[in-house]
C-alpha atoms as a PDB file:
ATOM      1  CA  UNK A   1     259.499 205.973  57.388  1.00  0.00           C
ATOM      2  CA  UNK A   2     259.981 209.693  57.885  1.00  0.00           C
ATOM      3  CA  UNK A   3     260.676 210.136  54.164  1.00  0.00           C
ATOM      4  CA  UNK A   4     257.579 208.117  53.224  1.00  0.00           C
ATOM      5  CA  UNK A   5     255.343 210.292  55.416  1.00  0.00           C
ATOM      6  CA  UNK A   6     256.727 213.627  54.251  1.00  0.00           C
ATOM      7  CA  UNK A   7     256.670 212.713  50.559  1.00  0.00           C
ATOM      8  CA  UNK A   8     253.098 211.395  50.775  1.00  0.00           C
ATOM      9  CA  UNK A   9     251.888 214.498  52.627  1.00  0.00           C
ATOM     10  CA  UNK A  10     253.508 216.890  50.176  1.00  0.00           C
ATOM     11  CA  UNK A  11     252.227 214.872  47.207  1.00  0.00           C
ATOM     12  CA  UNK A  12     248.663 215.285  48.472  1.00  0.00           C
ATOM     13  CA  UNK A  13     249.237 218.965  49.219  1.00  0.00           C
ATOM     14  CA  UNK A  14     248.306 218.631  52.887  1.00  0.00           C
ATOM     15  CA  UNK A  15     249.895 220.958  55.439  1.00  0.00           C
ATOM     16  CA  UNK A  16     251.203 219.603  58.748  1.00  0.00           C
ATOM     17  CA  UNK A  17     248.504 221.569  60.572  1.00  0.00           C
ATOM     18  CA  UNK A  18     245.764 220.021  58.446  1.00  0.00           C
ATOM     19  CA  UNK A  19     247.150 216.502  58.864  1.00  0.00           C
ATOM     20  CA  UNK A  20     247.392 216.965  62.632  1.00  0.00           C
ATOM     21  CA  UNK A  21     243.721 218.031  62.771  1.00  0.00           C
ATOM     22  CA  UNK A  22     242.623 214.995  60.752  1.00  0.00           C
ATOM     23  CA  UNK A  23     244.459 212.637  63.108  1.00  0.00           C
ATOM     24  CA  UNK A  24     243.585 214.546  66.282  1.00  0.00           C
ATOM     25  CA  UNK A  25     247.107 215.274  67.508  1.00  0.00           C
ATOM     26  CA  UNK A  26     249.345 218.319  67.992  1.00  0.00           C
ATOM     27  CA  UNK A  27     250.911 219.816  64.854  1.00  0.00           C
ATOM     28  CA  UNK A  28     254.389 219.552  66.376  1.00  0.00           C
ATOM     29  CA  UNK A  29     254.079 215.743  66.428  1.00  0.00           C
ATOM     30  CA  UNK A  30     253.717 215.617  62.640  1.00  0.00           C
ATOM     31  CA  UNK A  31     256.985 217.480  62.246  1.00  0.00           C
ATOM     32  CA  UNK A  32     258.662 215.120  64.708  1.00  0.00           C
ATOM     33  CA  UNK A  33     257.328 212.074  62.821  1.00  0.00           C
ATOM     34  CA  UNK A  34     258.778 213.485  59.608  1.00  0.00           C
ATOM     35  CA  UNK A  35     262.210 214.298  61.038  1.00  0.00           C
ATOM     36  CA  UNK A  36     262.451 210.987  62.891  1.00  0.00           C
ATOM     37  CA  UNK A  37     262.691 212.401  66.408  1.00  0.00           C
ATOM     38  CA  UNK A  38     259.377 210.811  67.425  1.00  0.00           C
ATOM     39  CA  UNK A  39     257.630 207.572  66.472  1.00  0.00           C
ATOM     40  CA  UNK A  40     253.862 207.418  65.900  1.00  0.00           C
ATOM     41  CA  UNK A  41     251.757 204.835  67.709  1.00  0.00           C
ATOM     42  CA  UNK A  42     250.376 201.838  65.840  1.00  0.00           C
ATOM     43  CA  UNK A  43     246.947 203.489  65.657  1.00  0.00           C
ATOM     44  CA  UNK A  44     248.490 206.711  64.354  1.00  0.00           C
ATOM     45  CA  UNK A  45     250.265 204.687  61.660  1.00  0.00           C
ATOM     46  CA  UNK A  46     246.895 203.287  60.583  1.00  0.00           C
ATOM     47  CA  UNK A  47     245.365 206.768  60.407  1.00  0.00           C
ATOM     48  CA  UNK A  48     248.346 208.168  58.520  1.00  0.00           C
ATOM     49  CA  UNK A  49     248.161 205.343  55.976  1.00  0.00           C
ATOM     50  CA  UNK A  50     244.442 205.961  55.417  1.00  0.00           C
ATOM     51  CA  UNK A  51     244.609 209.764  55.158  1.00  0.00           C
ATOM     52  CA  UNK A  52     247.776 209.906  53.045  1.00  0.00           C
ATOM     53  CA  UNK A  53     246.715 206.880  50.959  1.00  0.00           C
ATOM     54  CA  UNK A  54     249.920 204.973  51.711  1.00  0.00           C
ATOM     55  CA  UNK A  55     249.920 201.180  51.499  1.00  0.00           C
ATOM     56  CA  UNK A  56     249.373 200.143  55.126  1.00  0.00           C
ATOM     57  CA  UNK A  57     251.702 197.136  54.989  1.00  0.00           C
ATOM     58  CA  UNK A  58     254.540 199.224  53.514  1.00  0.00           C
ATOM     59  CA  UNK A  59     254.196 201.861  56.208  1.00  0.00           C
ATOM     60  CA  UNK A  60     253.763 199.304  58.981  1.00  0.00           C
ATOM     61  CA  UNK A  61     256.892 197.362  57.973  1.00  0.00           C
ATOM     62  CA  UNK A  62     258.904 200.590  57.971  1.00  0.00           C
ATOM     63  CA  UNK A  63     257.499 201.483  61.396  1.00  0.00           C
ATOM     64  CA  UNK A  64     258.267 198.034  62.839  1.00  0.00           C
ATOM     65  CA  UNK A  65     261.792 198.086  61.433  1.00  0.00           C
ATOM     66  CA  UNK A  66     262.583 201.429  63.076  1.00  0.00           C
ATOM     67  CA  UNK A  67     260.974 200.362  66.320  1.00  0.00           C
ATOM     68  CA  UNK A  68     262.917 197.082  66.478  1.00  0.00           C
ATOM     69  CA  UNK A  69     266.218 198.831  65.762  1.00  0.00           C
ATOM     70  CA  UNK A  70     265.460 201.433  68.412  1.00  0.00           C
ATOM     71  CA  UNK A  71     264.473 198.876  71.037  1.00  0.00           C
ATOM     72  CA  UNK A  72     267.108 196.178  70.604  1.00  0.00           C
ATOM     73  CA  UNK A  73     269.992 197.644  68.602  1.00  0.00           C
ATOM     74  CA  UNK A  74     272.098 195.782  66.057  1.00  0.00           C
ATOM     75  CA  UNK A  75     274.861 193.809  67.803  1.00  0.00           C
ATOM     76  CA  UNK A  76     275.672 190.124  67.224  1.00  0.00           C
ATOM     77  CA  UNK A  77     273.445 188.813  70.029  1.00  0.00           C
ATOM     78  CA  UNK A  78     270.554 190.818  68.589  1.00  0.00           C
ATOM     79  CA  UNK A  79     271.049 189.228  65.178  1.00  0.00           C
ATOM     80  CA  UNK A  80     271.003 185.733  66.711  1.00  0.00           C
ATOM     81  CA  UNK A  81     267.858 186.523  68.674  1.00  0.00           C
ATOM     82  CA  UNK A  82     266.163 187.982  65.574  1.00  0.00           C
ATOM     83  CA  UNK A  83     266.926 184.817  63.617  1.00  0.00           C
ATOM     84  CA  UNK A  84     265.255 182.715  66.318  1.00  0.00           C
ATOM     85  CA  UNK A  85     262.240 185.037  66.352  1.00  0.00           C
ATOM     86  CA  UNK A  86     261.968 184.820  62.564  1.00  0.00           C
ATOM     87  CA  UNK A  87     261.923 181.019  62.703  1.00  0.00           C
ATOM     88  CA  UNK A  88     259.242 180.999  65.405  1.00  0.00           C
ATOM     89  CA  UNK A  89     257.051 183.446  63.463  1.00  0.00           C
ATOM     90  CA  UNK A  90     257.393 181.447  60.252  1.00  0.00           C
ATOM     91  CA  UNK A  91     256.568 178.181  62.034  1.00  0.00           C
ATOM     92  CA  UNK A  92     253.493 179.712  63.677  1.00  0.00           C
ATOM     93  CA  UNK A  93     252.350 181.149  60.347  1.00  0.00           C
ATOM     94  CA  UNK A  94     252.757 177.819  58.574  1.00  0.00           C
ATOM     95  CA  UNK A  95     250.858 176.093  61.400  1.00  0.00           C
ATOM     96  CA  UNK A  96     247.934 178.545  61.208  1.00  0.00           C
ATOM     97  CA  UNK A  97     247.849 178.350  57.433  1.00  0.00           C
ATOM     98  CA  UNK A  98     247.764 174.551  57.585  1.00  0.00           C
ATOM     99  CA  UNK A  99     244.805 174.558  59.997  1.00  0.00           C
ATOM    100  CA  UNK A 100     242.839 176.930  57.766  1.00  0.00           C
ATOM    101  CA  UNK A 101     243.627 174.899  54.648  1.00  0.00           C
ATOM    102  CA  UNK A 102     242.572 171.627  56.266  1.00  0.00           C
ATOM    103  CA  UNK A 103     239.196 172.850  57.487  1.00  0.00           C
ATOM    104  CA  UNK A 104     238.136 175.459  54.956  1.00  0.00           C
ATOM    105  CA  UNK A 105     239.905 174.896  51.650  1.00  0.00           C
ATOM    106  CA  UNK A 106     237.179 172.767  50.079  1.00  0.00           C
ATOM    107  CA  UNK A 107     234.289 175.072  50.908  1.00  0.00           C
ATOM    108  CA  UNK A 108     236.251 178.222  50.013  1.00  0.00           C
ATOM    109  CA  UNK A 109     237.190 176.692  46.661  1.00  0.00           C
ATOM    110  CA  UNK A 110     233.502 175.906  46.058  1.00  0.00           C
ATOM    111  CA  UNK A 111     232.546 179.488  46.924  1.00  0.00           C
ATOM    112  CA  UNK A 112     235.143 180.897  44.541  1.00  0.00           C
ATOM    113  CA  UNK A 113     233.976 178.550  41.776  1.00  0.00           C
ATOM    114  CA  UNK A 114     230.439 179.870  42.297  1.00  0.00           C
ATOM    115  CA  UNK A 115     231.762 183.428  42.240  1.00  0.00           C
ATOM    116  CA  UNK A 116     233.480 182.808  38.898  1.00  0.00           C
ATOM    117  CA  UNK A 117     230.241 181.391  37.498  1.00  0.00           C
ATOM    118  CA  UNK A 118     228.237 184.280  38.905  1.00  0.00           C
ATOM    119  CA  UNK A 119     230.549 186.846  37.305  1.00  0.00           C
ATOM    120  CA  UNK A 120     229.488 185.584  33.879  1.00  0.00           C
ATOM    121  CA  UNK A 121     225.915 186.627  34.634  1.00  0.00           C
ATOM    122  CA  UNK A 122     226.614 189.969  36.336  1.00  0.00           C
ATOM    123  CA  UNK A 123     225.121 191.901  33.421  1.00  0.00           C
ATOM    124  CA  UNK A 124     221.816 190.223  34.251  1.00  0.00           C
ATOM    125  CA  UNK A 125     221.773 191.682  37.774  1.00  0.00           C
ATOM    126  CA  UNK A 126     218.613 193.625  38.434  1.00  0.00           C
ATOM    127  CA  UNK A 127     217.427 196.017  41.083  1.00  0.00           C
ATOM    128  CA  UNK A 128     214.398 193.819  41.749  1.00  0.00           C
ATOM    129  CA  UNK A 129     216.490 190.754  42.584  1.00  0.00           C
ATOM    130  CA  UNK A 130     218.777 192.731  44.885  1.00  0.00           C
ATOM    131  CA  UNK A 131     215.814 194.411  46.577  1.00  0.00           C
ATOM    132  CA  UNK A 132     214.076 191.097  47.257  1.00  0.00           C
ATOM    133  CA  UNK A 133     217.217 189.472  48.700  1.00  0.00           C
ATOM    134  CA  UNK A 134     218.012 192.533  50.829  1.00  0.00           C
ATOM    135  CA  UNK A 135     214.456 192.466  52.169  1.00  0.00           C
ATOM    136  CA  UNK A 136     214.951 188.822  53.181  1.00  0.00           C
ATOM    137  CA  UNK A 137     218.250 189.764  54.826  1.00  0.00           C
ATOM    138  CA  UNK A 138     216.599 192.541  56.838  1.00  0.00           C
ATOM    139  CA  UNK A 139     213.806 190.195  57.896  1.00  0.00           C
ATOM    140  CA  UNK A 140     216.179 187.405  58.992  1.00  0.00           C
ATOM    141  CA  UNK A 141     218.730 189.652  60.721  1.00  0.00           C
ATOM    142  CA  UNK A 142     215.988 191.316  62.750  1.00  0.00           C
ATOM    143  CA  UNK A 143     214.324 187.958  63.456  1.00  0.00           C
ATOM    144  CA  UNK A 144     217.567 186.713  65.031  1.00  0.00           C
ATOM    145  CA  UNK A 145     217.253 189.585  67.526  1.00  0.00           C
ATOM    146  CA  UNK A 146     213.606 188.855  68.374  1.00  0.00           C
ATOM    147  CA  UNK A 147     211.718 191.041  65.908  1.00  0.00           C
ATOM    148  CA  UNK A 148     208.307 189.407  65.248  1.00  0.00           C
ATOM    149  CA  UNK A 149     207.460 191.026  61.899  1.00  0.00           C
ATOM    150  CA  UNK A 150     206.908 188.413  59.192  1.00  0.00           C
ATOM    151  CA  UNK A 151     208.623 188.695  55.817  1.00  0.00           C
ATOM    152  CA  UNK A 152     205.395 190.023  54.271  1.00  0.00           C
ATOM    153  CA  UNK A 153     204.904 192.508  57.100  1.00  0.00           C
ATOM    154  CA  UNK A 154     208.520 193.647  56.757  1.00  0.00           C
ATOM    155  CA  UNK A 155     207.847 194.273  53.068  1.00  0.00           C
ATOM    156  CA  UNK A 156     204.698 196.293  53.827  1.00  0.00           C
ATOM    157  CA  UNK A 157     206.517 198.429  56.403  1.00  0.00           C
ATOM    158  CA  UNK A 158     209.521 199.129  54.177  1.00  0.00           C
ATOM    159  CA  UNK A 159     208.043 199.360  50.693  1.00  0.00           C
ATOM    160  CA  UNK A 160     204.438 200.434  51.378  1.00  0.00           C
ATOM    161  CA  UNK A 161     204.992 202.557  54.459  1.00  0.00           C
ATOM    162  CA  UNK A 162     202.234 200.736  56.342  1.00  0.00           C
ATOM    163  CA  UNK A 163     201.874 200.291  60.088  1.00  0.00           C
ATOM    164  CA  UNK A 164     201.223 196.718  61.206  1.00  0.00           C
ATOM    165  CA  UNK A 165     198.579 196.339  63.897  1.00  0.00           C
ATOM    166  CA  UNK A 166     199.817 194.659  67.063  1.00  0.00           C
ATOM    167  CA  UNK A 167     203.491 195.291  66.303  1.00  0.00           C
ATOM    168  CA  UNK A 168     205.574 197.741  68.321  1.00  0.00           C
ATOM    169  CA  UNK A 169     207.017 200.975  66.979  1.00  0.00           C
ATOM    170  CA  UNK A 170     210.492 199.594  67.718  1.00  0.00           C
ATOM    171  CA  UNK A 171     209.890 196.617  65.411  1.00  0.00           C
ATOM    172  CA  UNK A 172     208.813 198.988  62.639  1.00  0.00           C
ATOM    173  CA  UNK A 173     211.908 201.156  63.144  1.00  0.00           C
ATOM    174  CA  UNK A 174     214.206 198.114  63.200  1.00  0.00           C
ATOM    175  CA  UNK A 175     212.984 197.156  59.726  1.00  0.00           C
ATOM    176  CA  UNK A 176     213.264 200.661  58.287  1.00  0.00           C
ATOM    177  CA  UNK A 177     216.635 201.343  59.891  1.00  0.00           C
ATOM    178  CA  UNK A 178     218.167 198.079  58.725  1.00  0.00           C
ATOM    179  CA  UNK A 179     217.242 198.683  55.097  1.00  0.00           C
ATOM    180  CA  UNK A 180     218.771 202.160  55.287  1.00  0.00           C
ATOM    181  CA  UNK A 181     221.937 200.665  56.780  1.00  0.00           C
ATOM    182  CA  UNK A 182     222.143 198.157  53.905  1.00  0.00           C
ATOM    183  CA  UNK A 183     221.783 201.029  51.433  1.00  0.00           C
ATOM    184  CA  UNK A 184     224.512 202.922  53.264  1.00  0.00           C
ATOM    185  CA  UNK A 185     227.088 200.105  53.082  1.00  0.00           C
ATOM    186  CA  UNK A 186     226.342 199.686  49.366  1.00  0.00           C
ATOM    187  CA  UNK A 187     227.016 203.400  48.873  1.00  0.00           C
ATOM    188  CA  UNK A 188     230.313 203.035  50.724  1.00  0.00           C
ATOM    189  CA  UNK A 189     231.333 200.247  48.359  1.00  0.00           C
ATOM    190  CA  UNK A 190     230.367 202.307  45.295  1.00  0.00           C
ATOM    191  CA  UNK A 191     232.585 205.146  46.570  1.00  0.00           C
ATOM    192  CA  UNK A 192     235.494 202.704  46.984  1.00  0.00           C
ATOM    193  CA  UNK A 193     235.697 203.731  50.626  1.00  0.00           C
ATOM    194  CA  UNK A 194     238.250 202.765  53.250  1.00  0.00           C
ATOM    195  CA  UNK A 195     236.331 201.185  56.140  1.00  0.00           C
ATOM    196  CA  UNK A 196     237.164 202.875  59.416  1.00  0.00           C
ATOM    197  CA  UNK A 197     235.766 203.751  62.836  1.00  0.00           C
ATOM    198  CA  UNK A 198     233.722 206.652  61.522  1.00  0.00           C
ATOM    199  CA  UNK A 199     231.907 204.415  59.035  1.00  0.00           C
ATOM    200  CA  UNK A 200     231.285 201.766  61.693  1.00  0.00           C
ATOM    201  CA  UNK A 201     229.708 204.333  64.012  1.00  0.00           C
ATOM    202  CA  UNK A 202     227.605 205.639  61.118  1.00  0.00           C
ATOM    203  CA  UNK A 203     226.261 202.133  60.444  1.00  0.00           C
ATOM    204  CA  UNK A 204     225.404 201.675  64.117  1.00  0.00           C
ATOM    205  CA  UNK A 205     223.795 205.111  64.235  1.00  0.00           C
ATOM    206  CA  UNK A 206     221.435 204.045  61.461  1.00  0.00           C
ATOM    207  CA  UNK A 207     220.569 200.805  63.272  1.00  0.00           C
ATOM    208  CA  UNK A 208     219.544 202.526  66.532  1.00  0.00           C
ATOM    209  CA  UNK A 209     218.237 205.790  65.084  1.00  0.00           C
ATOM    210  CA  UNK A 210     214.930 206.664  66.718  1.00  0.00           C
ATOM    211  CA  UNK A 211     215.143 203.592  68.973  1.00  0.00           C
ATOM    212  CA  UNK A 212     217.853 204.568  71.477  1.00  0.00           C
ATOM    213  CA  UNK A 213     218.995 207.913  69.987  1.00  0.00           C
ATOM    214  CA  UNK A 214     221.286 208.811  72.894  1.00  0.00           C
ATOM    215  CA  UNK A 215     223.371 205.658  72.264  1.00  0.00           C
ATOM    216  CA  UNK A 216     223.180 205.515  68.473  1.00  0.00           C
ATOM    217  CA  UNK A 217     226.663 205.662  66.973  1.00  0.00           C
ATOM    218  CA  UNK A 218     228.378 205.723  70.389  1.00  0.00           C
ATOM    219  CA  UNK A 219     230.371 203.166  72.310  1.00  0.00           C
ATOM    220  CA  UNK A 220     228.715 201.938  75.475  1.00  0.00           C
ATOM    221  CA  UNK A 221     229.552 203.514  78.816  1.00  0.00           C
ATOM    222  CA  UNK A 222     228.164 200.724  81.006  1.00  0.00           C
ATOM    223  CA  UNK A 223     228.845 197.029  81.508  1.00  0.00           C
ATOM    224  CA  UNK A 224     226.534 194.658  79.629  1.00  0.00           C
ATOM    225  CA  UNK A 225     225.732 190.962  79.578  1.00  0.00           C
ATOM    226  CA  UNK A 226     224.670 188.778  76.651  1.00  0.00           C
ATOM    227  CA  UNK A 227     221.352 187.093  77.348  1.00  0.00           C
ATOM    228  CA  UNK A 228     221.657 183.297  77.358  1.00  0.00           C
ATOM    229  CA  UNK A 229     225.462 183.313  77.025  1.00  0.00           C
ATOM    230  CA  UNK A 230     228.182 182.491  79.529  1.00  0.00           C
ATOM    231  CA  UNK A 231     230.475 185.030  77.871  1.00  0.00           C
ATOM    232  CA  UNK A 232     230.823 188.447  79.535  1.00  0.00           C
ATOM    233  CA  UNK A 233     231.915 191.341  77.288  1.00  0.00           C
ATOM    234  CA  UNK A 234     234.799 193.598  78.401  1.00  0.00           C
ATOM    235  CA  UNK A 235     234.352 196.510  80.786  1.00  0.00           C
ATOM    236  CA  UNK A 236     233.341 199.764  79.035  1.00  0.00           C
ATOM    237  CA  UNK A 237     236.608 201.568  79.766  1.00  0.00           C
ATOM    238  CA  UNK A 238     238.466 198.890  77.750  1.00  0.00           C
ATOM    239  CA  UNK A 239     236.221 199.199  74.685  1.00  0.00           C
ATOM    240  CA  UNK A 240     237.969 202.158  72.948  1.00  0.00           C
ATOM    241  CA  UNK A 241     241.363 200.429  73.095  1.00  0.00           C
ATOM    242  CA  UNK A 242     239.892 197.142  71.879  1.00  0.00           C
ATOM    243  CA  UNK A 243     238.214 198.942  68.991  1.00  0.00           C
ATOM    244  CA  UNK A 244     241.526 200.575  68.125  1.00  0.00           C
ATOM    245  CA  UNK A 245     243.077 197.090  68.030  1.00  0.00           C
ATOM    246  CA  UNK A 246     240.111 195.870  65.954  1.00  0.00           C
ATOM    247  CA  UNK A 247     240.900 198.250  63.115  1.00  0.00           C
ATOM    248  CA  UNK A 248     244.634 197.634  63.391  1.00  0.00           C
ATOM    249  CA  UNK A 249     243.989 193.897  63.039  1.00  0.00           C
ATOM    250  CA  UNK A 250     241.837 194.552  59.978  1.00  0.00           C
ATOM    251  CA  UNK A 251     244.551 196.601  58.267  1.00  0.00           C
ATOM    252  CA  UNK A 252     247.159 193.953  59.021  1.00  0.00           C
ATOM    253  CA  UNK A 253     245.058 191.055  57.729  1.00  0.00           C
ATOM    254  CA  UNK A 254     242.758 192.377  54.996  1.00  0.00           C
ATOM    255  CA  UNK A 255     245.184 191.402  52.226  1.00  0.00           C
ATOM    256  CA  UNK A 256     246.309 188.134  53.821  1.00  0.00           C
ATOM    257  CA  UNK A 257     243.056 186.288  54.526  1.00  0.00           C
ATOM    258  CA  UNK A 258     240.430 184.933  52.165  1.00  0.00           C
ATOM    259  CA  UNK A 259     237.580 187.510  52.114  1.00  0.00           C
ATOM    260  CA  UNK A 260     235.101 185.029  53.610  1.00  0.00           C
ATOM    261  CA  UNK A 261     237.429 184.343  56.546  1.00  0.00           C
ATOM    262  CA  UNK A 262     238.111 188.060  56.953  1.00  0.00           C
ATOM    263  CA  UNK A 263     234.372 188.806  56.960  1.00  0.00           C
ATOM    264  CA  UNK A 264     233.673 186.114  59.578  1.00  0.00           C
ATOM    265  CA  UNK A 265     236.573 187.318  61.738  1.00  0.00           C
ATOM    266  CA  UNK A 266     235.446 190.951  61.599  1.00  0.00           C
ATOM    267  CA  UNK A 267     231.949 189.865  62.634  1.00  0.00           C
ATOM    268  CA  UNK A 268     233.134 187.672  65.515  1.00  0.00           C
ATOM    269  CA  UNK A 269     235.680 190.188  66.801  1.00  0.00           C
ATOM    270  CA  UNK A 270     233.178 193.040  66.810  1.00  0.00           C
ATOM    271  CA  UNK A 271     230.376 191.152  68.525  1.00  0.00           C
ATOM    272  CA  UNK A 272     232.890 189.806  71.073  1.00  0.00           C
ATOM    273  CA  UNK A 273     233.990 193.328  71.990  1.00  0.00           C
ATOM    274  CA  UNK A 274     230.268 194.179  72.106  1.00  0.00           C
ATOM    275  CA  UNK A 275     231.052 197.899  71.879  1.00  0.00           C
ATOM    276  CA  UNK A 276     227.455 199.131  71.826  1.00  0.00           C
ATOM    277  CA  UNK A 277     224.646 199.117  74.345  1.00  0.00           C
ATOM    278  CA  UNK A 278     222.384 197.507  71.709  1.00  0.00           C
ATOM    279  CA  UNK A 279     222.495 196.595  68.019  1.00  0.00           C
ATOM    280  CA  UNK A 280     225.800 194.700  68.173  1.00  0.00           C
ATOM    281  CA  UNK A 281     224.546 191.655  66.276  1.00  0.00           C
ATOM    282  CA  UNK A 282     222.914 193.560  63.428  1.00  0.00           C
ATOM    283  CA  UNK A 283     225.925 195.863  63.091  1.00  0.00           C
ATOM    284  CA  UNK A 284     228.386 192.946  63.112  1.00  0.00           C
ATOM    285  CA  UNK A 285     226.447 191.123  60.412  1.00  0.00           C
ATOM    286  CA  UNK A 286     226.337 194.292  58.307  1.00  0.00           C
ATOM    287  CA  UNK A 287     230.108 194.724  58.565  1.00  0.00           C
ATOM    288  CA  UNK A 288     230.578 191.074  57.629  1.00  0.00           C
ATOM    289  CA  UNK A 289     228.430 191.558  54.537  1.00  0.00           C
ATOM    290  CA  UNK A 290     230.055 194.851  53.667  1.00  0.00           C
ATOM    291  CA  UNK A 291     233.357 192.976  53.338  1.00  0.00           C
ATOM    292  CA  UNK A 292     231.758 190.187  51.310  1.00  0.00           C
ATOM    293  CA  UNK A 293     230.042 192.596  48.898  1.00  0.00           C
ATOM    294  CA  UNK A 294     233.176 194.676  48.576  1.00  0.00           C
ATOM    295  CA  UNK A 295     235.043 191.571  47.403  1.00  0.00           C
ATOM    296  CA  UNK A 296     232.458 190.494  44.844  1.00  0.00           C
ATOM    297  CA  UNK A 297     230.514 187.967  46.928  1.00  0.00           C
ATOM    298  CA  UNK A 298     226.852 188.115  47.948  1.00  0.00           C
ATOM    299  CA  UNK A 299     225.142 188.808  51.254  1.00  0.00           C
ATOM    300  CA  UNK A 300     225.523 185.906  53.706  1.00  0.00           C
ATOM    301  CA  UNK A 301     222.021 185.773  55.120  1.00  0.00           C
ATOM    302  CA  UNK A 302     222.063 183.959  58.480  1.00  0.00           C
ATOM    303  CA  UNK A 303     218.508 182.749  59.041  1.00  0.00           C
ATOM    304  CA  UNK A 304     216.507 183.549  62.167  1.00  0.00           C
ATOM    305  CA  UNK A 305     214.822 180.136  62.522  1.00  0.00           C
ATOM    306  CA  UNK A 306     215.459 178.331  65.814  1.00  0.00           C
ATOM    307  CA  UNK A 307     217.913 175.722  64.526  1.00  0.00           C
ATOM    308  CA  UNK A 308     220.106 178.153  62.571  1.00  0.00           C
ATOM    309  CA  UNK A 309     219.961 180.765  65.321  1.00  0.00           C
ATOM    310  CA  UNK A 310     221.138 178.221  67.915  1.00  0.00           C
ATOM    311  CA  UNK A 311     224.044 177.075  65.712  1.00  0.00           C
ATOM    312  CA  UNK A 312     224.986 180.704  65.183  1.00  0.00           C
ATOM    313  CA  UNK A 313     224.867 181.574  68.895  1.00  0.00           C
ATOM    314  CA  UNK A 314     226.671 178.403  69.979  1.00  0.00           C
ATOM    315  CA  UNK A 315     229.512 178.814  67.491  1.00  0.00           C
ATOM    316  CA  UNK A 316     229.908 182.449  68.562  1.00  0.00           C
ATOM    317  CA  UNK A 317     229.985 181.492  72.234  1.00  0.00           C
ATOM    318  CA  UNK A 318     232.611 178.818  71.537  1.00  0.00           C
ATOM    319  CA  UNK A 319     234.764 181.426  69.805  1.00  0.00           C
ATOM    320  CA  UNK A 320     234.285 183.896  72.646  1.00  0.00           C
ATOM    321  CA  UNK A 321     234.940 181.537  75.541  1.00  0.00           C
ATOM    322  CA  UNK A 322     237.585 179.180  74.120  1.00  0.00           C
ATOM    323  CA  UNK A 323     239.151 181.163  71.296  1.00  0.00           C
ATOM    324  CA  UNK A 324     238.286 178.370  68.839  1.00  0.00           C
ATOM    325  CA  UNK A 325     236.691 180.172  65.889  1.00  0.00           C
ATOM    326  CA  UNK A 326     236.584 177.288  63.445  1.00  0.00           C
ATOM    327  CA  UNK A 327     232.897 176.391  63.927  1.00  0.00           C
ATOM    328  CA  UNK A 328     231.871 179.997  63.435  1.00  0.00           C
ATOM    329  CA  UNK A 329     233.997 180.562  60.338  1.00  0.00           C
ATOM    330  CA  UNK A 330     232.736 177.300  58.845  1.00  0.00           C
ATOM    331  CA  UNK A 331     229.131 178.318  59.556  1.00  0.00           C
ATOM    332  CA  UNK A 332     229.605 181.641  57.797  1.00  0.00           C
ATOM    333  CA  UNK A 333     231.364 179.944  54.866  1.00  0.00           C
ATOM    334  CA  UNK A 334     228.602 177.366  54.486  1.00  0.00           C
ATOM    335  CA  UNK A 335     225.901 180.059  54.565  1.00  0.00           C
ATOM    336  CA  UNK A 336     227.804 182.143  52.019  1.00  0.00           C
ATOM    337  CA  UNK A 337     228.108 179.112  49.731  1.00  0.00           C
ATOM    338  CA  UNK A 338     224.348 178.469  49.946  1.00  0.00           C
ATOM    339  CA  UNK A 339     223.552 182.128  49.265  1.00  0.00           C
ATOM    340  CA  UNK A 340     225.956 182.197  46.309  1.00  0.00           C
ATOM    341  CA  UNK A 341     224.332 179.091  44.843  1.00  0.00           C
ATOM    342  CA  UNK A 342     220.834 180.506  45.290  1.00  0.00           C
ATOM    343  CA  UNK A 343     221.792 183.837  43.732  1.00  0.00           C
ATOM    344  CA  UNK A 344     223.381 182.047  40.773  1.00  0.00           C
ATOM    345  CA  UNK A 345     220.265 179.878  40.310  1.00  0.00           C
ATOM    346  CA  UNK A 346     218.035 182.969  40.273  1.00  0.00           C
ATOM    347  CA  UNK A 347     220.120 185.145  37.968  1.00  0.00           C
ATOM    348  CA  UNK A 348     221.068 182.382  35.510  1.00  0.00           C
ATOM    349  CA  UNK A 349     217.386 181.705  34.825  1.00  0.00           C
END
């Protein structure tokens, strides 16, 4: 691992001092990482992989190998124990893979068939179609959270700059902010970005800008409750560590899971941590759709009508209280399939 780090740093022409500043650690630690006298943390491995543009899995495997050898050695008993661990891990992986295949394979295959069909019409994409669908997405995502602007009123606020009589300033700002956040995630995709904590906080900052400015783009510092749910989010002092684990999980799984499953997982995990004082739902749905768009799919627009909203909330609560995420992932997959079919119907005509 030490050779990988040093070679990558020198290849990019980054000095140890500069790399230390980017990661937020002491310069001496970089030298120790490179000479093997000190091991980085899992989060530091993630940051190093991103900054030095090293394949995360390659770096993580090297890190795990060194850590295992350091912790348990290499005698005969260790080898026997490692063989047992390997068998357990493989069995668990096969079991998880089987569950996913049984419940999602059909719908994921249908989504990918629609994606292949849609790719044949990509040259017919137009700004007008995208703008109309993104407007609907903004309307529905805000409606889920209680915004009372109609679709037409949302259009007038965003595209005509009008003020709607009888509607609060917050509702106006929610519409404007959400559209800007959608534009922002599309720009990230165009730049072939690497999604990280900074980008997440930027998205949230856009969502709450002008509404709760002191909390926009910042993790919450107080305990919160979710209205109408039996699930209680973690205490605020736990949030930074859980968010660190959130991004580690993403790096470990982004090349292993189907993009639709990854998108649903990133949504559910973020809203379960509930890292912000407000705007968690909108931000989680934006991150979900960022992943879908990045992988060539379309926006999964969860509707704000009562029936869909209740299914959405109930499947989330089941995931949060029991750990069973299947209903939620299936809901997201079904919505993505419907949105793919609608988009294909529009563009093919």
